[in-house]
Protein backbone atom coordinates (compact mmCIF):
# COMPACT_ATOMS: atom_id res chain seq x y z
CA UNK A 1 0.00 0.00 0.00
CA UNK A 2 1.34 3.42 -0.98
CA UNK A 3 2.03 6.32 1.35
CA UNK A 4 -0.19 9.39 0.91
CA UNK A 5 1.18 12.86 1.71
CA UNK A 6 -0.87 16.04 1.91
CA UNK A 7 1.59 18.69 0.74
CA UNK A 8 0.79 22.41 0.84
CA UNK A 9 0.39 23.76 -2.68
CA UNK A 10 2.21 27.06 -2.06
CA UNK A 11 4.49 26.25 0.89
CA UNK A 12 5.49 22.57 0.65
CA UNK A 13 6.53 21.06 3.97
CA UNK A 14 10.25 20.36 3.61
CA UNK A 15 9.99 17.32 5.87
CA UNK A 16 7.51 15.68 3.47
CA UNK A 17 9.52 16.70 0.41
CA UNK A 18 12.62 15.07 1.93
CA UNK A 19 10.64 11.91 2.69
CA UNK A 20 9.44 11.84 -0.92
CA UNK A 21 13.05 12.10 -2.14
CA UNK A 22 13.99 9.17 0.10
CA UNK A 23 11.20 7.10 -1.48
CA UNK A 24 12.61 7.92 -4.94
CA UNK A 25 16.17 7.09 -3.94
CA UNK A 26 15.04 3.73 -2.57
CA UNK A 27 13.67 2.76 -5.97
CA UNK A 28 10.14 4.02 -5.50
CA UNK A 29 7.54 5.23 -7.99
CA UNK A 30 5.93 8.51 -6.98
CA UNK A 31 2.74 10.25 -8.12
CA UNK A 32 3.22 14.01 -7.86
CA UNK A 33 1.52 17.22 -9.05
CA UNK A 34 2.65 19.26 -12.05
CA UNK A 35 1.26 22.19 -14.03
CA UNK A 36 -0.53 19.73 -16.34
CA UNK A 37 -2.17 17.30 -13.95
CA UNK A 38 -0.49 14.51 -12.01
CA UNK A 39 2.58 12.61 -13.19
CA UNK A 40 4.51 9.43 -12.39
CA UNK A 41 8.16 9.82 -11.49
CA UNK A 42 11.23 7.78 -10.54
CA UNK A 43 15.01 8.07 -10.46
CA UNK A 44 16.65 8.54 -13.84
CA UNK A 45 18.74 5.37 -13.72
CA UNK A 46 16.21 3.07 -12.03
CA UNK A 47 15.30 0.37 -14.55
CA UNK A 48 12.89 -1.51 -12.26
CA UNK A 49 10.92 1.61 -11.34
CA UNK A 50 10.69 2.59 -15.01
CA UNK A 51 9.35 -0.87 -15.86
CA UNK A 52 6.66 -0.45 -13.22
CA UNK A 53 5.66 2.91 -14.75
CA UNK A 54 5.42 1.41 -18.25
CA UNK A 55 3.11 -1.29 -16.85
CA UNK A 56 0.87 1.27 -15.13
CA UNK A 57 0.63 3.37 -18.29
CA UNK A 58 0.74 0.39 -20.70
CA UNK A 59 3.02 2.31 -23.03
CA UNK A 60 5.29 1.09 -25.82
CA UNK A 61 9.05 1.45 -26.28
CA UNK A 62 8.63 4.34 -28.74
CA UNK A 63 7.01 6.49 -26.05
CA UNK A 64 8.87 9.71 -25.33
CA UNK A 65 9.71 9.71 -21.65
CA UNK A 66 10.50 13.07 -20.10
CA UNK A 67 13.20 14.32 -17.80
CA UNK A 68 11.73 16.67 -15.22
CA UNK A 69 14.31 19.41 -14.62
CA UNK A 70 14.32 22.19 -12.05
CA UNK A 71 15.64 24.81 -14.52
CA UNK A 72 17.26 25.32 -17.93
CA UNK A 73 20.79 24.89 -16.56
CA UNK A 74 20.29 21.10 -16.30
CA UNK A 75 19.17 20.69 -19.89
CA UNK A 76 22.52 20.76 -21.68
CA UNK A 77 23.69 17.61 -19.88
CA UNK A 78 20.86 15.55 -21.35
CA UNK A 79 19.68 17.24 -24.56
CA UNK A 80 21.35 18.69 -27.65
CA UNK A 81 20.02 22.24 -27.58
CA UNK A 82 21.04 24.85 -30.17
CA UNK A 83 20.83 28.61 -29.60
CA UNK A 84 17.42 29.05 -31.23
CA UNK A 85 15.93 26.22 -29.17
CA UNK A 86 17.49 27.58 -25.99
CA UNK A 87 15.84 30.97 -26.58
CA UNK A 88 12.48 29.24 -27.00
CA UNK A 89 13.04 27.33 -23.78
CA UNK A 90 14.06 30.44 -21.91
CA UNK A 91 10.83 32.24 -22.87
CA UNK A 92 8.49 29.28 -22.28
CA UNK A 93 9.80 27.54 -19.16
CA UNK A 94 8.79 26.82 -16.54
CA UNK A 95 5.47 25.89 -18.08
CA UNK A 96 3.19 23.06 -19.28
CA UNK A 97 5.40 22.05 -22.20
CA UNK A 98 7.43 18.99 -23.12
CA UNK A 99 10.28 19.72 -25.54
CA UNK A 100 11.73 16.84 -27.55
CA UNK A 101 15.45 16.90 -28.34
CA UNK A 102 18.15 14.52 -29.47
CA UNK A 103 19.46 12.89 -26.31
CA UNK A 104 23.07 13.09 -25.12
CA UNK A 105 25.05 10.09 -23.87
CA UNK A 106 24.01 11.00 -20.32
CA UNK A 107 20.50 9.69 -21.02
CA UNK A 108 20.11 5.91 -20.56
CA UNK A 109 19.17 4.29 -23.88
CA UNK A 110 16.04 2.72 -22.40
CA UNK A 111 14.66 6.24 -21.82
CA UNK A 112 15.25 7.33 -25.40
CA UNK A 113 12.83 6.93 -28.28
CA UNK A 114 13.98 3.72 -30.00
CA UNK A 115 14.03 5.12 -33.53
CA UNK A 116 14.82 8.79 -33.10
CA UNK A 117 17.12 8.63 -30.02
CA UNK A 118 15.22 11.54 -28.52
CA UNK A 119 14.16 12.53 -25.02
CA UNK A 120 11.47 14.83 -23.68
CA UNK A 121 12.52 17.70 -21.41
CA UNK A 122 10.22 19.44 -18.90
CA UNK A 123 10.57 22.36 -16.46
CA UNK A 124 7.26 22.34 -14.56
CA UNK A 125 5.54 25.45 -13.23
CA UNK A 126 4.43 23.81 -9.98
CA UNK A 127 5.81 24.66 -6.55
CA UNK A 128 5.68 21.09 -5.21
CA UNK A 129 7.30 19.57 -8.30
CA UNK A 130 10.10 22.15 -8.23
CA UNK A 131 10.67 21.63 -4.50
CA UNK A 132 10.95 17.89 -5.12
CA UNK A 133 13.47 18.40 -7.94
CA UNK A 134 15.47 20.89 -5.87
CA UNK A 135 15.74 18.45 -2.97
CA UNK A 136 16.57 15.56 -5.32
CA UNK A 137 19.38 17.55 -6.93
CA UNK A 138 18.99 15.93 -10.35
CA UNK A 139 16.32 15.40 -13.03
CA UNK A 140 13.60 12.83 -12.48
CA UNK A 141 12.31 10.40 -15.09
CA UNK A 142 8.66 11.25 -15.58
CA UNK A 143 5.53 10.72 -17.64
CA UNK A 144 2.05 12.20 -17.39
CA UNK A 145 -0.37 10.04 -15.42
CA UNK A 146 -2.77 9.14 -18.22
CA UNK A 147 -4.35 5.78 -17.39
CA UNK A 148 -4.92 3.14 -20.11
CA UNK A 149 -7.92 4.00 -22.27
CA UNK A 150 -8.03 7.61 -21.06
CA UNK A 151 -7.20 10.78 -22.98
CA UNK A 152 -6.70 13.17 -20.09
CA UNK A 153 -4.19 13.50 -17.27
CA UNK A 154 -5.41 12.39 -13.85
CA UNK A 155 -6.32 15.42 -11.75
CA UNK A 156 -7.90 14.04 -8.54
CA UNK A 157 -5.42 12.56 -6.02
CA UNK A 158 -8.18 10.76 -4.10
CA UNK A 159 -9.25 8.99 -7.31
CA UNK A 160 -5.61 8.16 -8.06
CA UNK A 161 -5.31 6.63 -4.59
CA UNK A 162 -8.33 4.39 -5.23
CA UNK A 163 -6.80 3.07 -8.45
CA UNK A 164 -3.03 3.01 -7.83
CA UNK A 165 -2.48 2.62 -4.09
CA UNK A 166 -1.11 -0.90 -4.64
CA UNK A 167 0.94 0.03 -7.73
CA UNK A 168 3.01 3.01 -6.55
CA UNK A 169 5.00 3.80 -3.41
CA UNK A 170 3.86 7.37 -2.75
CA UNK A 171 1.04 9.68 -3.84
CA UNK A 172 1.54 13.38 -3.15
CA UNK A 173 -1.76 15.20 -2.74
CA UNK A 174 -1.03 18.67 -4.10
CA UNK A 175 -4.56 19.82 -4.83
CA UNK A 176 -7.07 19.18 -7.59
CA UNK A 177 -5.48 20.03 -10.93
CA UNK A 178 -6.29 20.51 -14.59
CA UNK A 179 -6.69 17.49 -16.85
CA UNK A 180 -4.85 18.69 -19.95
CA UNK A 181 -1.46 17.05 -20.58
CA UNK A 182 1.51 19.12 -21.69
CA UNK A 183 1.83 20.66 -25.11
CA UNK A 184 4.58 18.69 -26.89
CA UNK A 185 7.04 20.57 -29.11
CA UNK A 186 9.58 18.59 -31.17
CA UNK A 187 12.83 20.51 -31.72
CA UNK A 188 14.98 17.45 -32.43
CA UNK A 189 15.36 18.03 -36.19
CA UNK A 190 16.09 21.74 -36.10
CA UNK A 191 12.53 22.63 -37.09
CA UNK A 192 9.63 23.42 -34.76
CA UNK A 193 6.89 20.77 -34.82
CA UNK A 194 3.84 20.87 -32.56
CA UNK A 195 3.28 17.18 -31.79
CA UNK A 196 0.44 17.61 -29.31
CA UNK A 197 -1.58 20.64 -28.33
CA UNK A 198 -2.29 20.56 -24.61
CA UNK A 199 -2.16 22.89 -21.61
CA UNK A 200 0.54 25.15 -23.08
CA UNK A 201 -0.25 27.88 -25.63
CA UNK A 202 1.11 26.89 -29.05
CA UNK A 203 1.15 30.46 -30.43
CA UNK A 204 4.90 31.06 -29.73
CA UNK A 205 5.76 28.03 -31.87
CA UNK A 206 3.68 28.71 -34.97
C-alpha atoms as a PDB file:
ATOM      1  CA  UNK A   1       0.000   0.000   0.000  1.00  0.00           C
ATOM      2  CA  UNK A   2       1.342   3.420  -0.975  1.00  0.00           C
ATOM      3  CA  UNK A   3       2.026   6.323   1.346  1.00  0.00           C
ATOM      4  CA  UNK A   4      -0.187   9.393   0.909  1.00  0.00           C
ATOM      5  CA  UNK A   5       1.175  12.860   1.710  1.00  0.00           C
ATOM      6  CA  UNK A   6      -0.873  16.041   1.912  1.00  0.00           C
ATOM      7  CA  UNK A   7       1.593  18.691   0.744  1.00  0.00           C
ATOM      8  CA  UNK A   8       0.788  22.408   0.845  1.00  0.00           C
ATOM      9  CA  UNK A   9       0.391  23.758  -2.684  1.00  0.00           C
ATOM     10  CA  UNK A  10       2.213  27.057  -2.055  1.00  0.00           C
ATOM     11  CA  UNK A  11       4.491  26.251   0.893  1.00  0.00           C
ATOM     12  CA  UNK A  12       5.486  22.573   0.649  1.00  0.00           C
ATOM     13  CA  UNK A  13       6.530  21.062   3.971  1.00  0.00           C
ATOM     14  CA  UNK A  14      10.254  20.364   3.608  1.00  0.00           C
ATOM     15  CA  UNK A  15       9.991  17.317   5.871  1.00  0.00           C
ATOM     16  CA  UNK A  16       7.514  15.675   3.469  1.00  0.00           C
ATOM     17  CA  UNK A  17       9.522  16.701   0.407  1.00  0.00           C
ATOM     18  CA  UNK A  18      12.620  15.073   1.933  1.00  0.00           C
ATOM     19  CA  UNK A  19      10.643  11.912   2.688  1.00  0.00           C
ATOM     20  CA  UNK A  20       9.439  11.837  -0.921  1.00  0.00           C
ATOM     21  CA  UNK A  21      13.050  12.103  -2.140  1.00  0.00           C
ATOM     22  CA  UNK A  22      13.989   9.170   0.099  1.00  0.00           C
ATOM     23  CA  UNK A  23      11.202   7.102  -1.483  1.00  0.00           C
ATOM     24  CA  UNK A  24      12.609   7.919  -4.944  1.00  0.00           C
ATOM     25  CA  UNK A  25      16.175   7.086  -3.936  1.00  0.00           C
ATOM     26  CA  UNK A  26      15.042   3.732  -2.565  1.00  0.00           C
ATOM     27  CA  UNK A  27      13.671   2.764  -5.974  1.00  0.00           C
ATOM     28  CA  UNK A  28      10.139   4.019  -5.495  1.00  0.00           C
ATOM     29  CA  UNK A  29       7.536   5.225  -7.992  1.00  0.00           C
ATOM     30  CA  UNK A  30       5.930   8.510  -6.977  1.00  0.00           C
ATOM     31  CA  UNK A  31       2.740  10.246  -8.120  1.00  0.00           C
ATOM     32  CA  UNK A  32       3.219  14.007  -7.862  1.00  0.00           C
ATOM     33  CA  UNK A  33       1.522  17.217  -9.054  1.00  0.00           C
ATOM     34  CA  UNK A  34       2.651  19.262 -12.053  1.00  0.00           C
ATOM     35  CA  UNK A  35       1.260  22.188 -14.027  1.00  0.00           C
ATOM     36  CA  UNK A  36      -0.525  19.728 -16.335  1.00  0.00           C
ATOM     37  CA  UNK A  37      -2.168  17.302 -13.946  1.00  0.00           C
ATOM     38  CA  UNK A  38      -0.488  14.506 -12.007  1.00  0.00           C
ATOM     39  CA  UNK A  39       2.583  12.614 -13.190  1.00  0.00           C
ATOM     40  CA  UNK A  40       4.506   9.433 -12.392  1.00  0.00           C
ATOM     41  CA  UNK A  41       8.164   9.823 -11.487  1.00  0.00           C
ATOM     42  CA  UNK A  42      11.228   7.777 -10.539  1.00  0.00           C
ATOM     43  CA  UNK A  43      15.008   8.070 -10.460  1.00  0.00           C
ATOM     44  CA  UNK A  44      16.650   8.542 -13.843  1.00  0.00           C
ATOM     45  CA  UNK A  45      18.742   5.367 -13.719  1.00  0.00           C
ATOM     46  CA  UNK A  46      16.209   3.070 -12.030  1.00  0.00           C
ATOM     47  CA  UNK A  47      15.301   0.368 -14.552  1.00  0.00           C
ATOM     48  CA  UNK A  48      12.886  -1.511 -12.262  1.00  0.00           C
ATOM     49  CA  UNK A  49      10.916   1.612 -11.342  1.00  0.00           C
ATOM     50  CA  UNK A  50      10.688   2.587 -15.005  1.00  0.00           C
ATOM     51  CA  UNK A  51       9.354  -0.874 -15.858  1.00  0.00           C
ATOM     52  CA  UNK A  52       6.659  -0.446 -13.216  1.00  0.00           C
ATOM     53  CA  UNK A  53       5.661   2.907 -14.751  1.00  0.00           C
ATOM     54  CA  UNK A  54       5.416   1.413 -18.253  1.00  0.00           C
ATOM     55  CA  UNK A  55       3.108  -1.289 -16.849  1.00  0.00           C
ATOM     56  CA  UNK A  56       0.875   1.271 -15.125  1.00  0.00           C
ATOM     57  CA  UNK A  57       0.633   3.375 -18.286  1.00  0.00           C
ATOM     58  CA  UNK A  58       0.741   0.391 -20.698  1.00  0.00           C
ATOM     59  CA  UNK A  59       3.020   2.309 -23.027  1.00  0.00           C
ATOM     60  CA  UNK A  60       5.290   1.091 -25.815  1.00  0.00           C
ATOM     61  CA  UNK A  61       9.049   1.452 -26.281  1.00  0.00           C
ATOM     62  CA  UNK A  62       8.631   4.342 -28.736  1.00  0.00           C
ATOM     63  CA  UNK A  63       7.009   6.492 -26.050  1.00  0.00           C
ATOM     64  CA  UNK A  64       8.869   9.709 -25.331  1.00  0.00           C
ATOM     65  CA  UNK A  65       9.711   9.711 -21.647  1.00  0.00           C
ATOM     66  CA  UNK A  66      10.502  13.073 -20.096  1.00  0.00           C
ATOM     67  CA  UNK A  67      13.201  14.317 -17.804  1.00  0.00           C
ATOM     68  CA  UNK A  68      11.731  16.673 -15.217  1.00  0.00           C
ATOM     69  CA  UNK A  69      14.312  19.409 -14.623  1.00  0.00           C
ATOM     70  CA  UNK A  70      14.315  22.192 -12.046  1.00  0.00           C
ATOM     71  CA  UNK A  71      15.638  24.808 -14.519  1.00  0.00           C
ATOM     72  CA  UNK A  72      17.256  25.316 -17.926  1.00  0.00           C
ATOM     73  CA  UNK A  73      20.790  24.887 -16.562  1.00  0.00           C
ATOM     74  CA  UNK A  74      20.291  21.103 -16.298  1.00  0.00           C
ATOM     75  CA  UNK A  75      19.171  20.691 -19.893  1.00  0.00           C
ATOM     76  CA  UNK A  76      22.519  20.761 -21.679  1.00  0.00           C
ATOM     77  CA  UNK A  77      23.688  17.608 -19.885  1.00  0.00           C
ATOM     78  CA  UNK A  78      20.858  15.549 -21.347  1.00  0.00           C
ATOM     79  CA  UNK A  79      19.677  17.240 -24.556  1.00  0.00           C
ATOM     80  CA  UNK A  80      21.350  18.687 -27.648  1.00  0.00           C
ATOM     81  CA  UNK A  81      20.016  22.242 -27.580  1.00  0.00           C
ATOM     82  CA  UNK A  82      21.044  24.852 -30.168  1.00  0.00           C
ATOM     83  CA  UNK A  83      20.829  28.612 -29.602  1.00  0.00           C
ATOM     84  CA  UNK A  84      17.418  29.050 -31.233  1.00  0.00           C
ATOM     85  CA  UNK A  85      15.930  26.219 -29.166  1.00  0.00           C
ATOM     86  CA  UNK A  86      17.494  27.580 -25.992  1.00  0.00           C
ATOM     87  CA  UNK A  87      15.844  30.966 -26.579  1.00  0.00           C
ATOM     88  CA  UNK A  88      12.477  29.237 -26.998  1.00  0.00           C
ATOM     89  CA  UNK A  89      13.037  27.326 -23.778  1.00  0.00           C
ATOM     90  CA  UNK A  90      14.056  30.445 -21.908  1.00  0.00           C
ATOM     91  CA  UNK A  91      10.831  32.237 -22.866  1.00  0.00           C
ATOM     92  CA  UNK A  92       8.490  29.275 -22.280  1.00  0.00           C
ATOM     93  CA  UNK A  93       9.800  27.538 -19.163  1.00  0.00           C
ATOM     94  CA  UNK A  94       8.794  26.821 -16.535  1.00  0.00           C
ATOM     95  CA  UNK A  95       5.466  25.891 -18.079  1.00  0.00           C
ATOM     96  CA  UNK A  96       3.188  23.064 -19.279  1.00  0.00           C
ATOM     97  CA  UNK A  97       5.398  22.048 -22.203  1.00  0.00           C
ATOM     98  CA  UNK A  98       7.429  18.986 -23.116  1.00  0.00           C
ATOM     99  CA  UNK A  99      10.277  19.717 -25.536  1.00  0.00           C
ATOM    100  CA  UNK A 100      11.726  16.844 -27.547  1.00  0.00           C
ATOM    101  CA  UNK A 101      15.445  16.900 -28.343  1.00  0.00           C
ATOM    102  CA  UNK A 102      18.148  14.516 -29.470  1.00  0.00           C
ATOM    103  CA  UNK A 103      19.459  12.889 -26.305  1.00  0.00           C
ATOM    104  CA  UNK A 104      23.071  13.091 -25.120  1.00  0.00           C
ATOM    105  CA  UNK A 105      25.055  10.091 -23.866  1.00  0.00           C
ATOM    106  CA  UNK A 106      24.009  11.002 -20.315  1.00  0.00           C
ATOM    107  CA  UNK A 107      20.498   9.695 -21.023  1.00  0.00           C
ATOM    108  CA  UNK A 108      20.113   5.906 -20.561  1.00  0.00           C
ATOM    109  CA  UNK A 109      19.175   4.289 -23.880  1.00  0.00           C
ATOM    110  CA  UNK A 110      16.043   2.723 -22.405  1.00  0.00           C
ATOM    111  CA  UNK A 111      14.662   6.239 -21.816  1.00  0.00           C
ATOM    112  CA  UNK A 112      15.249   7.333 -25.397  1.00  0.00           C
ATOM    113  CA  UNK A 113      12.828   6.928 -28.284  1.00  0.00           C
ATOM    114  CA  UNK A 114      13.976   3.717 -29.997  1.00  0.00           C
ATOM    115  CA  UNK A 115      14.028   5.123 -33.529  1.00  0.00           C
ATOM    116  CA  UNK A 116      14.817   8.792 -33.100  1.00  0.00           C
ATOM    117  CA  UNK A 117      17.115   8.630 -30.016  1.00  0.00           C
ATOM    118  CA  UNK A 118      15.223  11.543 -28.520  1.00  0.00           C
ATOM    119  CA  UNK A 119      14.157  12.528 -25.020  1.00  0.00           C
ATOM    120  CA  UNK A 120      11.466  14.834 -23.682  1.00  0.00           C
ATOM    121  CA  UNK A 121      12.518  17.700 -21.407  1.00  0.00           C
ATOM    122  CA  UNK A 122      10.217  19.439 -18.899  1.00  0.00           C
ATOM    123  CA  UNK A 123      10.567  22.355 -16.464  1.00  0.00           C
ATOM    124  CA  UNK A 124       7.263  22.344 -14.556  1.00  0.00           C
ATOM    125  CA  UNK A 125       5.545  25.446 -13.229  1.00  0.00           C
ATOM    126  CA  UNK A 126       4.434  23.806  -9.978  1.00  0.00           C
ATOM    127  CA  UNK A 127       5.806  24.658  -6.547  1.00  0.00           C
ATOM    128  CA  UNK A 128       5.681  21.089  -5.206  1.00  0.00           C
ATOM    129  CA  UNK A 129       7.299  19.568  -8.297  1.00  0.00           C
ATOM    130  CA  UNK A 130      10.104  22.153  -8.229  1.00  0.00           C
ATOM    131  CA  UNK A 131      10.668  21.629  -4.498  1.00  0.00           C
ATOM    132  CA  UNK A 132      10.949  17.889  -5.121  1.00  0.00           C
ATOM    133  CA  UNK A 133      13.470  18.398  -7.938  1.00  0.00           C
ATOM    134  CA  UNK A 134      15.474  20.888  -5.872  1.00  0.00           C
ATOM    135  CA  UNK A 135      15.741  18.448  -2.969  1.00  0.00           C
ATOM    136  CA  UNK A 136      16.565  15.559  -5.319  1.00  0.00           C
ATOM    137  CA  UNK A 137      19.377  17.548  -6.933  1.00  0.00           C
ATOM    138  CA  UNK A 138      18.993  15.927 -10.351  1.00  0.00           C
ATOM    139  CA  UNK A 139      16.319  15.404 -13.029  1.00  0.00           C
ATOM    140  CA  UNK A 140      13.597  12.831 -12.480  1.00  0.00           C
ATOM    141  CA  UNK A 141      12.308  10.400 -15.089  1.00  0.00           C
ATOM    142  CA  UNK A 142       8.656  11.253 -15.584  1.00  0.00           C
ATOM    143  CA  UNK A 143       5.534  10.716 -17.639  1.00  0.00           C
ATOM    144  CA  UNK A 144       2.054  12.197 -17.391  1.00  0.00           C
ATOM    145  CA  UNK A 145      -0.371  10.041 -15.420  1.00  0.00           C
ATOM    146  CA  UNK A 146      -2.769   9.138 -18.220  1.00  0.00           C
ATOM    147  CA  UNK A 147      -4.346   5.781 -17.394  1.00  0.00           C
ATOM    148  CA  UNK A 148      -4.922   3.143 -20.106  1.00  0.00           C
ATOM    149  CA  UNK A 149      -7.921   4.001 -22.271  1.00  0.00           C
ATOM    150  CA  UNK A 150      -8.035   7.607 -21.061  1.00  0.00           C
ATOM    151  CA  UNK A 151      -7.199  10.785 -22.984  1.00  0.00           C
ATOM    152  CA  UNK A 152      -6.700  13.173 -20.088  1.00  0.00           C
ATOM    153  CA  UNK A 153      -4.191  13.505 -17.270  1.00  0.00           C
ATOM    154  CA  UNK A 154      -5.409  12.385 -13.853  1.00  0.00           C
ATOM    155  CA  UNK A 155      -6.324  15.419 -11.752  1.00  0.00           C
ATOM    156  CA  UNK A 156      -7.899  14.043  -8.543  1.00  0.00           C
ATOM    157  CA  UNK A 157      -5.417  12.560  -6.020  1.00  0.00           C
ATOM    158  CA  UNK A 158      -8.183  10.763  -4.101  1.00  0.00           C
ATOM    159  CA  UNK A 159      -9.252   8.985  -7.306  1.00  0.00           C
ATOM    160  CA  UNK A 160      -5.608   8.163  -8.060  1.00  0.00           C
ATOM    161  CA  UNK A 161      -5.314   6.635  -4.592  1.00  0.00           C
ATOM    162  CA  UNK A 162      -8.327   4.390  -5.232  1.00  0.00           C
ATOM    163  CA  UNK A 163      -6.799   3.070  -8.451  1.00  0.00           C
ATOM    164  CA  UNK A 164      -3.032   3.010  -7.825  1.00  0.00           C
ATOM    165  CA  UNK A 165      -2.478   2.621  -4.089  1.00  0.00           C
ATOM    166  CA  UNK A 166      -1.110  -0.905  -4.636  1.00  0.00           C
ATOM    167  CA  UNK A 167       0.936   0.026  -7.727  1.00  0.00           C
ATOM    168  CA  UNK A 168       3.013   3.009  -6.550  1.00  0.00           C
ATOM    169  CA  UNK A 169       4.999   3.804  -3.407  1.00  0.00           C
ATOM    170  CA  UNK A 170       3.859   7.368  -2.754  1.00  0.00           C
ATOM    171  CA  UNK A 171       1.044   9.675  -3.835  1.00  0.00           C
ATOM    172  CA  UNK A 172       1.541  13.383  -3.149  1.00  0.00           C
ATOM    173  CA  UNK A 173      -1.755  15.205  -2.741  1.00  0.00           C
ATOM    174  CA  UNK A 174      -1.030  18.667  -4.098  1.00  0.00           C
ATOM    175  CA  UNK A 175      -4.559  19.816  -4.829  1.00  0.00           C
ATOM    176  CA  UNK A 176      -7.069  19.181  -7.591  1.00  0.00           C
ATOM    177  CA  UNK A 177      -5.481  20.025 -10.927  1.00  0.00           C
ATOM    178  CA  UNK A 178      -6.288  20.512 -14.593  1.00  0.00           C
ATOM    179  CA  UNK A 179      -6.686  17.486 -16.851  1.00  0.00           C
ATOM    180  CA  UNK A 180      -4.854  18.686 -19.947  1.00  0.00           C
ATOM    181  CA  UNK A 181      -1.462  17.052 -20.583  1.00  0.00           C
ATOM    182  CA  UNK A 182       1.509  19.118 -21.692  1.00  0.00           C
ATOM    183  CA  UNK A 183       1.832  20.663 -25.113  1.00  0.00           C
ATOM    184  CA  UNK A 184       4.583  18.688 -26.891  1.00  0.00           C
ATOM    185  CA  UNK A 185       7.044  20.573 -29.106  1.00  0.00           C
ATOM    186  CA  UNK A 186       9.577  18.585 -31.166  1.00  0.00           C
ATOM    187  CA  UNK A 187      12.827  20.511 -31.716  1.00  0.00           C
ATOM    188  CA  UNK A 188      14.979  17.452 -32.434  1.00  0.00           C
ATOM    189  CA  UNK A 189      15.361  18.026 -36.188  1.00  0.00           C
ATOM    190  CA  UNK A 190      16.094  21.744 -36.099  1.00  0.00           C
ATOM    191  CA  UNK A 191      12.533  22.632 -37.085  1.00  0.00           C
ATOM    192  CA  UNK A 192       9.627  23.416 -34.763  1.00  0.00           C
ATOM    193  CA  UNK A 193       6.894  20.768 -34.822  1.00  0.00           C
ATOM    194  CA  UNK A 194       3.838  20.875 -32.563  1.00  0.00           C
ATOM    195  CA  UNK A 195       3.277  17.178 -31.793  1.00  0.00           C
ATOM    196  CA  UNK A 196       0.442  17.608 -29.306  1.00  0.00           C
ATOM    197  CA  UNK A 197      -1.579  20.640 -28.330  1.00  0.00           C
ATOM    198  CA  UNK A 198      -2.294  20.556 -24.608  1.00  0.00           C
ATOM    199  CA  UNK A 199      -2.156  22.889 -21.614  1.00  0.00           C
ATOM    200  CA  UNK A 200       0.542  25.155 -23.079  1.00  0.00           C
ATOM    201  CA  UNK A 201      -0.249  27.881 -25.626  1.00  0.00           C
ATOM    202  CA  UNK A 202       1.111  26.888 -29.055  1.00  0.00           C
ATOM    203  CA  UNK A 203       1.153  30.462 -30.428  1.00  0.00           C
ATOM    204  CA  UNK A 204       4.901  31.055 -29.726  1.00  0.00           C
ATOM    205  CA  UNK A 205       5.757  28.028 -31.872  1.00  0.00           C
ATOM    206  CA  UNK A 206       3.676  28.714 -34.971  1.00  0.00           C
END
